[in-house]
Amino acid sequence: ATVSLLALWKLPVVLNVIFALVRPKEKEGSAPFPPLVPVDIRGFLAALVTPDAPFFFLDLARRHGPVYRLPIGPGCGAVFIGDHKTARQVLEDPSVVKPRRSYRAFDRLVGARESFFTTNDARYRHVRKATAAVLGAKHVERMRVTIKAVLDKFVEDKLEPKARKGEALDIDLAMQWIT
């Protein structure tokens, strides 16, 4: 078991080395890559599991500019956009090529050949516009309050009684109840 845990702990390092070896280099005359942020995959994963994960990304955007790359995954790394205006420009620019392979897994997940994230035609522009209203600050704040109330009730009615009795919690049922 210890050997398995050690191997699992080293896996991000091994993957990072492999991806670094096959990472493409910038070609002369083509658009430059965004700056590569000096964060290894283990540091990235550690930052993701903390409550401060959004601030991790905001801090990177402040230090390295609104568009930056993390050396994770194959290809040139994962590109992040830390500014909503820049993200909108990229998404609305008709000349931006959205590589199919980048979205293939997501499209399979949603069961579509193409999703509104990967195309620019009128139908998907309409869906994006309709979705944007739901993510407005007023609605997000309203849902934050609602979600907090639901989670507080779950902890009080379900989680704490189980913990006091030393009983196991069926996570599937818990997630159904919360949803």
C-alpha atoms as a PDB file:
ATOM      1  CA  ALA A   1       0.000   0.000   0.000  1.00  0.00           C
ATOM      2  CA  THR A   2       2.849   2.390   0.836  1.00  0.00           C
ATOM      3  CA  VAL A   3       4.492   1.736  -2.528  1.00  0.00           C
ATOM      4  CA  SER A   4       1.195   2.469  -4.300  1.00  0.00           C
ATOM      5  CA  LEU A   5       0.773   5.754  -2.447  1.00  0.00           C
ATOM      6  CA  LEU A   6       4.357   6.738  -3.215  1.00  0.00           C
ATOM      7  CA  ALA A   7       3.825   5.933  -6.904  1.00  0.00           C
ATOM      8  CA  LEU A   8       0.602   7.941  -6.919  1.00  0.00           C
ATOM      9  CA  TRP A   9       2.391  10.888  -5.269  1.00  0.00           C
ATOM     10  CA  LYS A  10       5.117  10.760  -7.964  1.00  0.00           C
ATOM     11  CA  LEU A  11       2.670  10.408 -10.891  1.00  0.00           C
ATOM     12  CA  PRO A  12       2.152  14.185 -11.368  1.00  0.00           C
ATOM     13  CA  VAL A  13       5.916  14.692 -11.495  1.00  0.00           C
ATOM     14  CA  VAL A  14       6.360  11.948 -14.095  1.00  0.00           C
ATOM     15  CA  LEU A  15       3.488  13.308 -16.198  1.00  0.00           C
ATOM     16  CA  ASN A  16       4.903  16.824 -15.958  1.00  0.00           C
ATOM     17  CA  VAL A  17       8.299  15.629 -17.242  1.00  0.00           C
ATOM     18  CA  ILE A  18       6.717  13.698 -20.119  1.00  0.00           C
ATOM     19  CA  PHE A  19       4.514  16.633 -21.130  1.00  0.00           C
ATOM     20  CA  ALA A  20       7.488  19.015 -20.920  1.00  0.00           C
ATOM     21  CA  LEU A  21       9.465  16.803 -23.307  1.00  0.00           C
ATOM     22  CA  VAL A  22       6.721  16.827 -25.951  1.00  0.00           C
ATOM     23  CA  ARG A  23       5.563  20.423 -25.365  1.00  0.00           C
ATOM     24  CA  PRO A  24       5.631  22.300 -28.695  1.00  0.00           C
ATOM     25  CA  LYS A  25       7.937  25.263 -29.126  1.00  0.00           C
ATOM     26  CA  GLU A  26       6.865  28.636 -30.493  1.00  0.00           C
ATOM     27  CA  LYS A  27       7.330  28.898 -34.251  1.00  0.00           C
ATOM     28  CA  GLU A  28       8.902  31.938 -35.793  1.00  0.00           C
ATOM     29  CA  GLY A  29       6.303  34.169 -37.454  1.00  0.00           C
ATOM     30  CA  SER A  30       3.338  32.682 -35.585  1.00  0.00           C
ATOM     31  CA  ALA A  31       1.488  34.209 -32.656  1.00  0.00           C
ATOM     32  CA  PRO A  32       3.470  33.940 -29.412  1.00  0.00           C
ATOM     33  CA  PHE A  33       2.314  31.641 -26.656  1.00  0.00           C
ATOM     34  CA  PRO A  34       1.018  33.286 -23.475  1.00  0.00           C
ATOM     35  CA  PRO A  35       3.594  33.349 -20.652  1.00  0.00           C
ATOM     36  CA  LEU A  36       4.223  30.019 -18.937  1.00  0.00           C
ATOM     37  CA  VAL A  37       3.622  30.298 -15.185  1.00  0.00           C
ATOM     38  CA  PRO A  38       6.217  28.568 -12.974  1.00  0.00           C
ATOM     39  CA  VAL A  39       3.769  26.261 -11.166  1.00  0.00           C
ATOM     40  CA  ASP A  40       4.218  22.505 -11.276  1.00  0.00           C
ATOM     41  CA  ILE A  41       1.274  20.127 -11.541  1.00  0.00           C
ATOM     42  CA  ARG A  42       1.459  19.163  -7.863  1.00  0.00           C
ATOM     43  CA  GLY A  43       1.292  22.823  -6.798  1.00  0.00           C
ATOM     44  CA  PHE A  44      -1.610  23.372  -9.180  1.00  0.00           C
ATOM     45  CA  LEU A  45      -3.556  20.387  -7.824  1.00  0.00           C
ATOM     46  CA  ALA A  46      -2.809  21.422  -4.229  1.00  0.00           C
ATOM     47  CA  ALA A  47      -4.174  24.917  -4.932  1.00  0.00           C
ATOM     48  CA  LEU A  48      -7.345  23.500  -6.517  1.00  0.00           C
ATOM     49  CA  VAL A  49      -8.454  21.615  -3.411  1.00  0.00           C
ATOM     50  CA  THR A  50      -8.336  24.616  -1.089  1.00  0.00           C
ATOM     51  CA  PRO A  51     -11.178  27.073  -0.460  1.00  0.00           C
ATOM     52  CA  ASP A  52      -8.878  29.756  -1.901  1.00  0.00           C
ATOM     53  CA  ALA A  53      -8.714  28.170  -5.385  1.00  0.00           C
ATOM     54  CA  PRO A  54     -10.382  31.156  -7.135  1.00  0.00           C
ATOM     55  CA  PHE A  55      -7.860  33.490  -5.517  1.00  0.00           C
ATOM     56  CA  PHE A  56      -5.021  31.292  -6.800  1.00  0.00           C
ATOM     57  CA  PHE A  57      -6.159  32.012 -10.371  1.00  0.00           C
ATOM     58  CA  LEU A  58      -6.742  35.715  -9.662  1.00  0.00           C
ATOM     59  CA  ASP A  59      -3.270  36.021  -8.179  1.00  0.00           C
ATOM     60  CA  LEU A  60      -1.713  34.361 -11.244  1.00  0.00           C
ATOM     61  CA  ALA A  61      -3.612  36.771 -13.513  1.00  0.00           C
ATOM     62  CA  ARG A  62      -2.400  39.756 -11.495  1.00  0.00           C
ATOM     63  CA  ARG A  63       1.223  38.604 -11.556  1.00  0.00           C
ATOM     64  CA  HIS A  64       1.446  37.259 -15.126  1.00  0.00           C
ATOM     65  CA  GLY A  65      -1.201  39.151 -17.069  1.00  0.00           C
ATOM     66  CA  PRO A  66      -4.779  38.273 -18.023  1.00  0.00           C
ATOM     67  CA  VAL A  67      -3.751  35.376 -20.303  1.00  0.00           C
ATOM     68  CA  TYR A  68      -1.232  32.806 -19.086  1.00  0.00           C
ATOM     69  CA  ARG A  69      -0.366  29.124 -19.417  1.00  0.00           C
ATOM     70  CA  LEU A  70       0.086  26.494 -16.772  1.00  0.00           C
ATOM     71  CA  PRO A  71       2.471  23.651 -17.604  1.00  0.00           C
ATOM     72  CA  ILE A  72      -0.176  20.986 -17.170  1.00  0.00           C
ATOM     73  CA  GLY A  73      -1.439  18.554 -19.737  1.00  0.00           C
ATOM     74  CA  PRO A  74      -0.157  17.870 -23.220  1.00  0.00           C
ATOM     75  CA  GLY A  75       0.436  20.436 -25.935  1.00  0.00           C
ATOM     76  CA  CYS A  76       1.505  23.941 -25.005  1.00  0.00           C
ATOM     77  CA  GLY A  77      -0.107  23.577 -21.570  1.00  0.00           C
ATOM     78  CA  ALA A  78      -3.446  24.785 -20.291  1.00  0.00           C
ATOM     79  CA  VAL A  79      -4.234  28.383 -21.237  1.00  0.00           C
ATOM     80  CA  PHE A  80      -6.196  30.416 -18.692  1.00  0.00           C
ATOM     81  CA  ILE A  81      -7.859  33.779 -19.161  1.00  0.00           C
ATOM     82  CA  GLY A  82      -8.173  35.711 -15.922  1.00  0.00           C
ATOM     83  CA  ASP A  83     -10.117  38.683 -17.262  1.00  0.00           C
ATOM     84  CA  HIS A  84     -13.770  38.559 -18.346  1.00  0.00           C
ATOM     85  CA  LYS A  85     -13.347  41.184 -21.061  1.00  0.00           C
ATOM     86  CA  THR A  86     -10.454  39.310 -22.651  1.00  0.00           C
ATOM     87  CA  ALA A  87     -12.387  36.028 -22.433  1.00  0.00           C
ATOM     88  CA  ARG A  88     -15.364  37.647 -24.176  1.00  0.00           C
ATOM     89  CA  GLN A  89     -13.107  38.977 -26.938  1.00  0.00           C
ATOM     90  CA  VAL A  90     -11.634  35.528 -27.524  1.00  0.00           C
ATOM     91  CA  LEU A  91     -15.015  33.780 -27.519  1.00  0.00           C
ATOM     92  CA  GLU A  92     -16.619  36.313 -29.860  1.00  0.00           C
ATOM     93  CA  ASP A  93     -13.703  36.606 -32.296  1.00  0.00           C
ATOM     94  CA  PRO A  94     -14.774  34.719 -35.456  1.00  0.00           C
ATOM     95  CA  SER A  95     -11.153  34.143 -36.443  1.00  0.00           C
ATOM     96  CA  VAL A  96     -10.388  32.178 -33.280  1.00  0.00           C
ATOM     97  CA  VAL A  97      -9.916  28.529 -34.110  1.00  0.00           C
ATOM     98  CA  LYS A  98     -11.377  26.271 -31.488  1.00  0.00           C
ATOM     99  CA  PRO A  99      -9.463  22.997 -31.909  1.00  0.00           C
ATOM    100  CA  ARG A 100     -11.840  20.052 -31.946  1.00  0.00           C
ATOM    101  CA  ARG A 101      -9.503  17.838 -29.941  1.00  0.00           C
ATOM    102  CA  SER A 102      -9.574  20.309 -27.049  1.00  0.00           C
ATOM    103  CA  TYR A 103     -13.347  19.988 -26.744  1.00  0.00           C
ATOM    104  CA  ARG A 104     -13.841  16.364 -27.805  1.00  0.00           C
ATOM    105  CA  ALA A 105     -14.105  15.003 -24.259  1.00  0.00           C
ATOM    106  CA  PHE A 106     -16.539  17.745 -23.241  1.00  0.00           C
ATOM    107  CA  ASP A 107     -18.696  17.175 -26.320  1.00  0.00           C
ATOM    108  CA  ARG A 108     -18.853  13.449 -25.537  1.00  0.00           C
ATOM    109  CA  LEU A 109     -19.830  14.299 -21.970  1.00  0.00           C
ATOM    110  CA  VAL A 110     -22.788  16.413 -23.073  1.00  0.00           C
ATOM    111  CA  GLY A 111     -23.686  13.958 -25.833  1.00  0.00           C
ATOM    112  CA  ALA A 112     -23.324  16.383 -28.712  1.00  0.00           C
ATOM    113  CA  ARG A 113     -21.186  16.492 -31.811  1.00  0.00           C
ATOM    114  CA  GLU A 114     -20.618  20.149 -31.022  1.00  0.00           C
ATOM    115  CA  SER A 115     -21.601  22.217 -28.019  1.00  0.00           C
ATOM    116  CA  PHE A 116     -22.219  25.899 -27.554  1.00  0.00           C
ATOM    117  CA  PHE A 117     -18.672  26.181 -26.243  1.00  0.00           C
ATOM    118  CA  THR A 118     -17.160  24.991 -29.505  1.00  0.00           C
ATOM    119  CA  THR A 119     -19.058  26.756 -32.271  1.00  0.00           C
ATOM    120  CA  ASN A 120     -19.940  30.288 -33.300  1.00  0.00           C
ATOM    121  CA  ASP A 121     -23.109  29.980 -35.371  1.00  0.00           C
ATOM    122  CA  ALA A 122     -26.346  31.864 -34.604  1.00  0.00           C
ATOM    123  CA  ARG A 123     -27.977  29.050 -32.605  1.00  0.00           C
ATOM    124  CA  TYR A 124     -25.092  28.774 -30.178  1.00  0.00           C
ATOM    125  CA  ARG A 125     -24.693  32.552 -29.893  1.00  0.00           C
ATOM    126  CA  HIS A 126     -28.362  32.629 -28.793  1.00  0.00           C
ATOM    127  CA  VAL A 127     -27.744  29.892 -26.186  1.00  0.00           C
ATOM    128  CA  ARG A 128     -24.660  31.692 -24.839  1.00  0.00           C
ATOM    129  CA  LYS A 129     -26.620  34.924 -24.542  1.00  0.00           C
ATOM    130  CA  ALA A 130     -29.456  33.175 -22.685  1.00  0.00           C
ATOM    131  CA  THR A 131     -26.987  31.422 -20.370  1.00  0.00           C
ATOM    132  CA  ALA A 132     -25.129  34.640 -19.532  1.00  0.00           C
ATOM    133  CA  ALA A 133     -28.180  36.091 -17.756  1.00  0.00           C
ATOM    134  CA  VAL A 134     -28.248  33.162 -15.333  1.00  0.00           C
ATOM    135  CA  LEU A 135     -24.641  33.836 -14.390  1.00  0.00           C
ATOM    136  CA  GLY A 136     -25.268  37.520 -13.644  1.00  0.00           C
ATOM    137  CA  ALA A 137     -24.102  38.853 -10.269  1.00  0.00           C
ATOM    138  CA  LYS A 138     -27.658  39.259  -8.910  1.00  0.00           C
ATOM    139  CA  HIS A 139     -28.626  35.648  -9.668  1.00  0.00           C
ATOM    140  CA  VAL A 140     -25.335  34.201  -8.446  1.00  0.00           C
ATOM    141  CA  GLU A 141     -25.692  36.039  -5.125  1.00  0.00           C
ATOM    142  CA  ARG A 142     -29.306  34.854  -4.752  1.00  0.00           C
ATOM    143  CA  MET A 143     -28.234  31.253  -5.409  1.00  0.00           C
ATOM    144  CA  ARG A 144     -25.273  31.551  -3.049  1.00  0.00           C
ATOM    145  CA  VAL A 145     -27.663  32.412  -0.213  1.00  0.00           C
ATOM    146  CA  THR A 146     -30.012  29.557  -1.182  1.00  0.00           C
ATOM    147  CA  ILE A 147     -27.200  27.011  -1.463  1.00  0.00           C
ATOM    148  CA  LYS A 148     -25.785  28.036   1.902  1.00  0.00           C
ATOM    149  CA  ALA A 149     -29.202  27.525   3.519  1.00  0.00           C
ATOM    150  CA  VAL A 150     -29.577  24.068   1.912  1.00  0.00           C
ATOM    151  CA  LEU A 151     -26.085  22.997   2.978  1.00  0.00           C
ATOM    152  CA  ASP A 152     -26.604  24.287   6.534  1.00  0.00           C
ATOM    153  CA  LYS A 153     -29.862  22.299   6.758  1.00  0.00           C
ATOM    154  CA  PHE A 154     -28.111  19.200   5.375  1.00  0.00           C
ATOM    155  CA  VAL A 155     -25.327  19.452   7.960  1.00  0.00           C
ATOM    156  CA  GLU A 156     -27.811  20.013  10.795  1.00  0.00           C
ATOM    157  CA  ASP A 157     -30.416  17.394   9.794  1.00  0.00           C
ATOM    158  CA  LYS A 158     -28.332  14.646   8.181  1.00  0.00           C
ATOM    159  CA  LEU A 159     -24.581  14.950   8.651  1.00  0.00           C
ATOM    160  CA  GLU A 160     -24.264  15.855  12.352  1.00  0.00           C
ATOM    161  CA  PRO A 161     -26.738  13.159  13.573  1.00  0.00           C
ATOM    162  CA  LYS A 162     -24.867  10.503  11.556  1.00  0.00           C
ATOM    163  CA  ALA A 163     -21.522  11.719  12.884  1.00  0.00           C
ATOM    164  CA  ARG A 164     -22.759  11.678  16.495  1.00  0.00           C
ATOM    165  CA  LYS A 165     -23.999   8.084  16.094  1.00  0.00           C
ATOM    166  CA  GLY A 166     -20.839   7.017  14.217  1.00  0.00           C
ATOM    167  CA  GLU A 167     -22.928   5.890  11.249  1.00  0.00           C
ATOM    168  CA  ALA A 168     -21.755   5.863   7.648  1.00  0.00           C
ATOM    169  CA  LEU A 169     -23.137   8.421   5.244  1.00  0.00           C
ATOM    170  CA  ASP A 170     -24.372   7.275   1.839  1.00  0.00           C
ATOM    171  CA  ILE A 171     -22.806   9.988  -0.294  1.00  0.00           C
ATOM    172  CA  ASP A 172     -25.059   9.205  -3.294  1.00  0.00           C
ATOM    173  CA  LEU A 173     -28.197   9.778  -1.253  1.00  0.00           C
ATOM    174  CA  ALA A 174     -26.666  12.863   0.342  1.00  0.00           C
ATOM    175  CA  MET A 175     -25.899  14.407  -3.042  1.00  0.00           C
ATOM    176  CA  GLN A 176     -29.449  13.630  -4.239  1.00  0.00           C
ATOM    177  CA  TRP A 177     -30.894  15.252  -1.139  1.00  0.00           C
ATOM    178  CA  ILE A 178     -28.729  18.378  -1.550  1.00  0.00           C
ATOM    179  CA  THR A 179     -29.541  18.677  -5.237  1.00  0.00           C
END
